[in-house]
Amino acid sequence: MSKRVQVTLHEEDYELLQRIARGRGTTAAGWARQVIRDALEADTKKVEAKLRAVERAYSHRHPSGDIEDILRQIEEGRNLV
């Protein structure tokens, strides 16, 4: 199902949008749709990359210790204690 989005622009911004669209051989609406699609795709890729990073990190089965011991060791390493 298609949905309509209405955006109010200052006249100067709308004229710039039209110039850009004409330069790309499309309409202002067509250009706006493509920009939105590209932004959504880029955002999706960022989320997917983050999820892959979490999955990779979770796949490592290195031993760990008590969180208080780990934090104390970090502080000691920074000479905070």
PDB file of N, CA and C in Angstrom:
ATOM      1  N   MET A   1       0.844  -1.160   0.000  1.00  0.00           N
ATOM      2  CA  MET A   1       0.000   0.000   0.000  1.00  0.00           C
ATOM      3  C   MET A   1       0.901   1.238   0.000  1.00  0.00           C
ATOM      4  N   SER A   2       0.552   2.203  -0.783  1.00  0.00           N
ATOM      5  CA  SER A   2       1.311   3.442  -0.853  1.00  0.00           C
ATOM      6  C   SER A   2       0.764   4.451   0.149  1.00  0.00           C
ATOM      7  N   LYS A   3       1.656   5.246   0.678  1.00  0.00           N
ATOM      8  CA  LYS A   3       1.280   6.321   1.602  1.00  0.00           C
ATOM      9  C   LYS A   3       1.865   7.613   1.065  1.00  0.00           C
ATOM     10  N   ARG A   4       1.230   8.702   1.379  1.00  0.00           N
ATOM     11  CA  ARG A   4       1.666  10.027   0.932  1.00  0.00           C
ATOM     12  C   ARG A   4       2.307  10.756   2.097  1.00  0.00           C
ATOM     13  N   VAL A   5       3.422  11.427   1.819  1.00  0.00           N
ATOM     14  CA  VAL A   5       4.092  12.269   2.804  1.00  0.00           C
ATOM     15  C   VAL A   5       4.132  13.676   2.234  1.00  0.00           C
ATOM     16  N   GLN A   6       3.688  14.628   3.010  1.00  0.00           N
ATOM     17  CA  GLN A   6       3.719  16.012   2.562  1.00  0.00           C
ATOM     18  C   GLN A   6       4.738  16.767   3.397  1.00  0.00           C
ATOM     19  N   VAL A   7       5.649  17.468   2.721  1.00  0.00           N
ATOM     20  CA  VAL A   7       6.707  18.206   3.395  1.00  0.00           C
ATOM     21  C   VAL A   7       6.637  19.658   2.949  1.00  0.00           C
ATOM     22  N   THR A   8       6.626  20.560   3.900  1.00  0.00           N
ATOM     23  CA  THR A   8       6.611  21.977   3.585  1.00  0.00           C
ATOM     24  C   THR A   8       8.053  22.480   3.518  1.00  0.00           C
ATOM     25  N   LEU A   9       8.395  23.138   2.409  1.00  0.00           N
ATOM     26  CA  LEU A   9       9.744  23.663   2.211  1.00  0.00           C
ATOM     27  C   LEU A   9       9.683  25.165   1.976  1.00  0.00           C
ATOM     28  N   HIS A  10      10.750  25.843   2.344  1.00  0.00           N
ATOM     29  CA  HIS A  10      10.873  27.238   1.962  1.00  0.00           C
ATOM     30  C   HIS A  10      11.006  27.288   0.440  1.00  0.00           C
ATOM     31  N   GLU A  11      10.582  28.360  -0.143  1.00  0.00           N
ATOM     32  CA  GLU A  11      10.593  28.483  -1.597  1.00  0.00           C
ATOM     33  C   GLU A  11      11.991  28.259  -2.173  1.00  0.00           C
ATOM     34  N   GLU A  12      13.027  28.808  -1.508  1.00  0.00           N
ATOM     35  CA  GLU A  12      14.392  28.645  -2.009  1.00  0.00           C
ATOM     36  C   GLU A  12      14.805  27.172  -2.002  1.00  0.00           C
ATOM     37  N   ASP A  13      14.427  26.453  -0.946  1.00  0.00           N
ATOM     38  CA  ASP A  13      14.756  25.035  -0.859  1.00  0.00           C
ATOM     39  C   ASP A  13      14.037  24.240  -1.946  1.00  0.00           C
ATOM     40  N   TYR A  14      12.781  24.583  -2.196  1.00  0.00           N
ATOM     41  CA  TYR A  14      12.021  23.877  -3.222  1.00  0.00           C
ATOM     42  C   TYR A  14      12.620  24.123  -4.611  1.00  0.00           C
ATOM     43  N   GLU A  15      13.021  25.352  -4.857  1.00  0.00           N
ATOM     44  CA  GLU A  15      13.648  25.661  -6.148  1.00  0.00           C
ATOM     45  C   GLU A  15      14.950  24.898  -6.307  1.00  0.00           C
ATOM     46  N   LEU A  16      15.731  24.793  -5.251  1.00  0.00           N
ATOM     47  CA  LEU A  16      16.970  24.016  -5.295  1.00  0.00           C
ATOM     48  C   LEU A  16      16.667  22.548  -5.554  1.00  0.00           C
ATOM     49  N   LEU A  17      15.660  22.022  -4.881  1.00  0.00           N
ATOM     50  CA  LEU A  17      15.254  20.634  -5.078  1.00  0.00           C
ATOM     51  C   LEU A  17      14.879  20.404  -6.551  1.00  0.00           C
ATOM     52  N   GLN A  18      14.118  21.328  -7.122  1.00  0.00           N
ATOM     53  CA  GLN A  18      13.719  21.182  -8.522  1.00  0.00           C
ATOM     54  C   GLN A  18      14.928  21.219  -9.451  1.00  0.00           C
ATOM     55  N   ARG A  19      15.882  22.119  -9.181  1.00  0.00           N
ATOM     56  CA  ARG A  19      17.083  22.193 -10.023  1.00  0.00           C
ATOM     57  C   ARG A  19      17.884  20.903  -9.964  1.00  0.00           C
ATOM     58  N   ILE A  20      18.037  20.378  -8.765  1.00  0.00           N
ATOM     59  CA  ILE A  20      18.780  19.123  -8.601  1.00  0.00           C
ATOM     60  C   ILE A  20      18.076  18.008  -9.345  1.00  0.00           C
ATOM     61  N   ALA A  21      16.765  17.915  -9.184  1.00  0.00           N
ATOM     62  CA  ALA A  21      15.988  16.857  -9.834  1.00  0.00           C
ATOM     63  C   ALA A  21      16.102  16.963 -11.353  1.00  0.00           C
ATOM     64  N   ARG A  22      15.937  18.169 -11.874  1.00  0.00           N
ATOM     65  CA  ARG A  22      16.053  18.358 -13.332  1.00  0.00           C
ATOM     66  C   ARG A  22      17.437  17.940 -13.810  1.00  0.00           C
ATOM     67  N   GLY A  23      18.461  18.295 -13.042  1.00  0.00           N
ATOM     68  CA  GLY A  23      19.825  17.919 -13.406  1.00  0.00           C
ATOM     69  C   GLY A  23      20.029  16.418 -13.429  1.00  0.00           C
ATOM     70  N   ARG A  24      19.226  15.703 -12.696  1.00  0.00           N
ATOM     71  CA  ARG A  24      19.313  14.236 -12.674  1.00  0.00           C
ATOM     72  C   ARG A  24      18.280  13.581 -13.583  1.00  0.00           C
ATOM     73  N   GLY A  25      17.541  14.410 -14.299  1.00  0.00           N
ATOM     74  CA  GLY A  25      16.573  13.875 -15.253  1.00  0.00           C
ATOM     75  C   GLY A  25      15.338  13.273 -14.620  1.00  0.00           C
ATOM     76  N   THR A  26      14.925  13.797 -13.485  1.00  0.00           N
ATOM     77  CA  THR A  26      13.745  13.265 -12.812  1.00  0.00           C
ATOM     78  C   THR A  26      12.911  14.427 -12.261  1.00  0.00           C
ATOM     79  N   THR A  27      11.824  14.087 -11.624  1.00  0.00           N
ATOM     80  CA  THR A  27      10.968  15.098 -10.998  1.00  0.00           C
ATOM     81  C   THR A  27      11.441  15.322  -9.563  1.00  0.00           C
ATOM     82  N   ALA A  28      10.940  16.398  -8.957  1.00  0.00           N
ATOM     83  CA  ALA A  28      11.270  16.666  -7.564  1.00  0.00           C
ATOM     84  C   ALA A  28      10.786  15.512  -6.681  1.00  0.00           C
ATOM     85  N   ALA A  29       9.590  15.027  -6.946  1.00  0.00           N
ATOM     86  CA  ALA A  29       9.047  13.916  -6.152  1.00  0.00           C
ATOM     87  C   ALA A  29       9.869  12.643  -6.357  1.00  0.00           C
ATOM     88  N   GLY A  30      10.248  12.372  -7.595  1.00  0.00           N
ATOM     89  CA  GLY A  30      11.048  11.181  -7.879  1.00  0.00           C
ATOM     90  C   GLY A  30      12.402  11.236  -7.192  1.00  0.00           C
ATOM     91  N   TRP A  31      13.021  12.424  -7.240  1.00  0.00           N
ATOM     92  CA  TRP A  31      14.312  12.588  -6.586  1.00  0.00           C
ATOM     93  C   TRP A  31      14.168  12.408  -5.076  1.00  0.00           C
ATOM     94  N   ALA A  32      13.124  13.008  -4.486  1.00  0.00           N
ATOM     95  CA  ALA A  32      12.897  12.892  -3.043  1.00  0.00           C
ATOM     96  C   ALA A  32      12.673  11.433  -2.643  1.00  0.00           C
ATOM     97  N   ARG A  33      11.886  10.701  -3.441  1.00  0.00           N
ATOM     98  CA  ARG A  33      11.668   9.279  -3.140  1.00  0.00           C
ATOM     99  C   ARG A  33      12.982   8.514  -3.146  1.00  0.00           C
ATOM    100  N   GLN A  34      13.845   8.797  -4.125  1.00  0.00           N
ATOM    101  CA  GLN A  34      15.117   8.086  -4.222  1.00  0.00           C
ATOM    102  C   GLN A  34      16.023   8.415  -3.038  1.00  0.00           C
ATOM    103  N   VAL A  35      16.059   9.673  -2.654  1.00  0.00           N
ATOM    104  CA  VAL A  35      16.875  10.071  -1.502  1.00  0.00           C
ATOM    105  C   VAL A  35      16.384   9.372  -0.242  1.00  0.00           C
ATOM    106  N   ILE A  36      15.077   9.300  -0.070  1.00  0.00           N
ATOM    107  CA  ILE A  36      14.515   8.616   1.101  1.00  0.00           C
ATOM    108  C   ILE A  36      14.853   7.138   1.060  1.00  0.00           C
ATOM    109  N   ARG A  37      14.697   6.495  -0.102  1.00  0.00           N
ATOM    110  CA  ARG A  37      15.056   5.071  -0.238  1.00  0.00           C
ATOM    111  C   ARG A  37      16.519   4.848   0.126  1.00  0.00           C
ATOM    112  N   ASP A  38      17.400   5.706  -0.398  1.00  0.00           N
ATOM    113  CA  ASP A  38      18.835   5.565  -0.120  1.00  0.00           C
ATOM    114  C   ASP A  38      19.125   5.711   1.372  1.00  0.00           C
ATOM    115  N   ALA A  39      18.472   6.673   2.021  1.00  0.00           N
ATOM    116  CA  ALA A  39      18.677   6.883   3.458  1.00  0.00           C
ATOM    117  C   ALA A  39      18.179   5.685   4.261  1.00  0.00           C
ATOM    118  N   LEU A  40      17.027   5.151   3.888  1.00  0.00           N
ATOM    119  CA  LEU A  40      16.498   3.981   4.591  1.00  0.00           C
ATOM    120  C   LEU A  40      17.410   2.778   4.415  1.00  0.00           C
ATOM    121  N   GLU A  41      17.924   2.602   3.214  1.00  0.00           N
ATOM    122  CA  GLU A  41      18.835   1.484   2.949  1.00  0.00           C
ATOM    123  C   GLU A  41      20.127   1.644   3.740  1.00  0.00           C
ATOM    124  N   ALA A  42      20.674   2.844   3.781  1.00  0.00           N
ATOM    125  CA  ALA A  42      21.906   3.093   4.530  1.00  0.00           C
ATOM    126  C   ALA A  42      21.691   2.829   6.010  1.00  0.00           C
ATOM    127  N   ASP A  43      20.547   3.253   6.537  1.00  0.00           N
ATOM    128  CA  ASP A  43      20.243   3.046   7.952  1.00  0.00           C
ATOM    129  C   ASP A  43      20.109   1.557   8.252  1.00  0.00           C
ATOM    130  N   THR A  44      19.448   0.837   7.360  1.00  0.00           N
ATOM    131  CA  THR A  44      19.290  -0.611   7.527  1.00  0.00           C
ATOM    132  C   THR A  44      20.650  -1.293   7.531  1.00  0.00           C
ATOM    133  N   LYS A  45      21.539  -0.869   6.636  1.00  0.00           N
ATOM    134  CA  LYS A  45      22.882  -1.462   6.580  1.00  0.00           C
ATOM    135  C   LYS A  45      23.645  -1.210   7.865  1.00  0.00           C
ATOM    136  N   LYS A  46      23.486  -0.007   8.465  1.00  0.00           N
ATOM    137  CA  LYS A  46      24.174   0.286   9.722  1.00  0.00           C
ATOM    138  C   LYS A  46      23.673  -0.637  10.830  1.00  0.00           C
ATOM    139  N   VAL A  47      22.370  -0.822  10.899  1.00  0.00           N
ATOM    140  CA  VAL A  47      21.790  -1.686  11.928  1.00  0.00           C
ATOM    141  C   VAL A  47      22.275  -3.118  11.727  1.00  0.00           C
ATOM    142  N   GLU A  48      22.267  -3.584  10.480  1.00  0.00           N
ATOM    143  CA  GLU A  48      22.720  -4.947  10.198  1.00  0.00           C
ATOM    144  C   GLU A  48      24.192  -5.123  10.549  1.00  0.00           C
ATOM    145  N   ALA A  49      25.016  -4.111  10.273  1.00  0.00           N
ATOM    146  CA  ALA A  49      26.440  -4.188  10.610  1.00  0.00           C
ATOM    147  C   ALA A  49      26.627  -4.276  12.123  1.00  0.00           C
ATOM    148  N   LYS A  50      25.846  -3.513  12.869  1.00  0.00           N
ATOM    149  CA  LYS A  50      25.942  -3.555  14.326  1.00  0.00           C
ATOM    150  C   LYS A  50      25.524  -4.927  14.854  1.00  0.00           C
ATOM    151  N   LEU A  51      24.466  -5.478  14.281  1.00  0.00           N
ATOM    152  CA  LEU A  51      24.020  -6.805  14.719  1.00  0.00           C
ATOM    153  C   LEU A  51      25.072  -7.865  14.412  1.00  0.00           C
ATOM    154  N   ARG A  52      25.716  -7.773  13.239  1.00  0.00           N
ATOM    155  CA  ARG A  52      26.784  -8.721  12.907  1.00  0.00           C
ATOM    156  C   ARG A  52      27.948  -8.589  13.889  1.00  0.00           C
ATOM    157  N   ALA A  53      28.279  -7.362  14.271  1.00  0.00           N
ATOM    158  CA  ALA A  53      29.367  -7.145  15.227  1.00  0.00           C
ATOM    159  C   ALA A  53      29.034  -7.778  16.575  1.00  0.00           C
ATOM    160  N   VAL A  54      27.794  -7.620  17.015  1.00  0.00           N
ATOM    161  CA  VAL A  54      27.377  -8.225  18.281  1.00  0.00           C
ATOM    162  C   VAL A  54      27.428  -9.748  18.173  1.00  0.00           C
ATOM    163  N   GLU A  55      26.966 -10.293  17.054  1.00  0.00           N
ATOM    164  CA  GLU A  55      27.003 -11.744  16.871  1.00  0.00           C
ATOM    165  C   GLU A  55      28.434 -12.262  16.871  1.00  0.00           C
ATOM    166  N   ARG A  56      29.342 -11.537  16.213  1.00  0.00           N
ATOM    167  CA  ARG A  56      30.758 -11.954  16.205  1.00  0.00           C
ATOM    168  C   ARG A  56      31.329 -11.912  17.615  1.00  0.00           C
ATOM    169  N   ALA A  57      31.041 -10.840  18.330  1.00  0.00           N
ATOM    170  CA  ALA A  57      31.561 -10.710  19.692  1.00  0.00           C
ATOM    171  C   ALA A  57      31.007 -11.822  20.580  1.00  0.00           C
ATOM    172  N   TYR A  58      29.745 -12.132  20.410  1.00  0.00           N
ATOM    173  CA  TYR A  58      29.116 -13.167  21.238  1.00  0.00           C
ATOM    174  C   TYR A  58      29.658 -14.557  20.910  1.00  0.00           C
ATOM    175  N   SER A  59      30.133 -14.740  19.691  1.00  0.00           N
ATOM    176  CA  SER A  59      30.616 -16.062  19.284  1.00  0.00           C
ATOM    177  C   SER A  59      31.945 -16.429  19.939  1.00  0.00           C
ATOM    178  N   HIS A  60      32.671 -15.441  20.454  1.00  0.00           N
ATOM    179  CA  HIS A  60      33.939 -15.728  21.133  1.00  0.00           C
ATOM    180  C   HIS A  60      33.634 -16.243  22.531  1.00  0.00           C
ATOM    181  N   ARG A  61      34.198 -17.360  22.841  1.00  0.00           N
ATOM    182  CA  ARG A  61      33.930 -17.985  24.131  1.00  0.00           C
ATOM    183  C   ARG A  61      35.159 -17.894  25.041  1.00  0.00           C
ATOM    184  N   HIS A  62      35.695 -16.708  25.194  1.00  0.00           N
ATOM    185  CA  HIS A  62      36.853 -16.518  26.048  1.00  0.00           C
ATOM    186  C   HIS A  62      36.403 -16.496  27.497  1.00  0.00           C
ATOM    187  N   PRO A  63      37.280 -16.961  28.371  1.00  0.00           N
ATOM    188  CA  PRO A  63      36.904 -16.919  29.791  1.00  0.00           C
ATOM    189  C   PRO A  63      36.798 -15.480  30.275  1.00  0.00           C
ATOM    190  N   SER A  64      35.956 -15.288  31.211  1.00  0.00           N
ATOM    191  CA  SER A  64      35.760 -13.967  31.790  1.00  0.00           C
ATOM    192  C   SER A  64      35.826 -14.111  33.300  1.00  0.00           C
ATOM    193  N   GLY A  65      35.705 -13.020  33.976  1.00  0.00           N
ATOM    194  CA  GLY A  65      35.764 -13.079  35.427  1.00  0.00           C
ATOM    195  C   GLY A  65      34.637 -12.283  36.040  1.00  0.00           C
ATOM    196  N   ASP A  66      34.749 -12.129  37.327  1.00  0.00           N
ATOM    197  CA  ASP A  66      33.773 -11.350  38.074  1.00  0.00           C
ATOM    198  C   ASP A  66      33.875  -9.890  37.633  1.00  0.00           C
ATOM    199  N   ILE A  67      32.752  -9.242  37.415  1.00  0.00           N
ATOM    200  CA  ILE A  67      32.752  -7.877  36.896  1.00  0.00           C
ATOM    201  C   ILE A  67      33.471  -6.924  37.836  1.00  0.00           C
ATOM    202  N   GLU A  68      33.334  -7.112  39.137  1.00  0.00           N
ATOM    203  CA  GLU A  68      34.012  -6.231  40.094  1.00  0.00           C
ATOM    204  C   GLU A  68      35.528  -6.383  39.988  1.00  0.00           C
ATOM    205  N   ASP A  69      36.004  -7.622  39.812  1.00  0.00           N
ATOM    206  CA  ASP A  69      37.443  -7.849  39.626  1.00  0.00           C
ATOM    207  C   ASP A  69      37.938  -7.199  38.334  1.00  0.00           C
ATOM    208  N   ILE A  70      37.173  -7.343  37.282  1.00  0.00           N
ATOM    209  CA  ILE A  70      37.553  -6.765  35.994  1.00  0.00           C
ATOM    210  C   ILE A  70      37.629  -5.246  36.097  1.00  0.00           C
ATOM    211  N   LEU A  71      36.620  -4.621  36.702  1.00  0.00           N
ATOM    212  CA  LEU A  71      36.621  -3.172  36.852  1.00  0.00           C
ATOM    213  C   LEU A  71      37.779  -2.698  37.726  1.00  0.00           C
ATOM    214  N   ARG A  72      38.093  -3.451  38.787  1.00  0.00           N
ATOM    215  CA  ARG A  72      39.211  -3.091  39.648  1.00  0.00           C
ATOM    216  C   ARG A  72      40.522  -3.156  38.884  1.00  0.00           C
ATOM    217  N   GLN A  73      40.679  -4.198  38.051  1.00  0.00           N
ATOM    218  CA  GLN A  73      41.888  -4.338  37.252  1.00  0.00           C
ATOM    219  C   GLN A  73      42.023  -3.197  36.245  1.00  0.00           C
ATOM    220  N   ILE A  74      40.905  -2.793  35.657  1.00  0.00           N
ATOM    221  CA  ILE A  74      40.924  -1.667  34.716  1.00  0.00           C
ATOM    222  C   ILE A  74      41.369  -0.399  35.436  1.00  0.00           C
ATOM    223  N   GLU A  75      40.791  -0.164  36.619  1.00  0.00           N
ATOM    224  CA  GLU A  75      41.159   1.033  37.381  1.00  0.00           C
ATOM    225  C   GLU A  75      42.619   1.006  37.799  1.00  0.00           C
ATOM    226  N   GLU A  76      43.091  -0.165  38.177  1.00  0.00           N
ATOM    227  CA  GLU A  76      44.507  -0.290  38.555  1.00  0.00           C
ATOM    228  C   GLU A  76      45.395  -0.002  37.346  1.00  0.00           C
ATOM    229  N   GLY A  77      44.989  -0.480  36.194  1.00  0.00           N
ATOM    230  CA  GLY A  77      45.752  -0.242  34.981  1.00  0.00           C
ATOM    231  C   GLY A  77      45.799   1.230  34.600  1.00  0.00           C
ATOM    232  N   ARG A  78      44.809   1.967  35.002  1.00  0.00           N
ATOM    233  CA  ARG A  78      44.762   3.407  34.731  1.00  0.00           C
ATOM    234  C   ARG A  78      45.337   4.214  35.892  1.00  0.00           C
ATOM    235  N   ASN A  79      45.855   3.509  36.894  1.00  0.00           N
ATOM    236  CA  ASN A  79      46.390   4.151  38.090  1.00  0.00           C
ATOM    237  C   ASN A  79      45.350   5.002  38.796  1.00  0.00           C
ATOM    238  N   LEU A  80      44.125   4.507  38.858  1.00  0.00           N
ATOM    239  CA  LEU A  80      43.046   5.242  39.497  1.00  0.00           C
ATOM    240  C   LEU A  80      42.852   4.807  40.944  1.00  0.00           C
ATOM    241  N   VAL A  81      43.476   3.701  41.329  1.00  0.00           N
ATOM    242  CA  VAL A  81      43.266   3.180  42.666  1.00  0.00           C
ATOM    243  C   VAL A  81      44.471   3.519  43.524  1.00  0.00           C
TER     244      VAL A  81
END
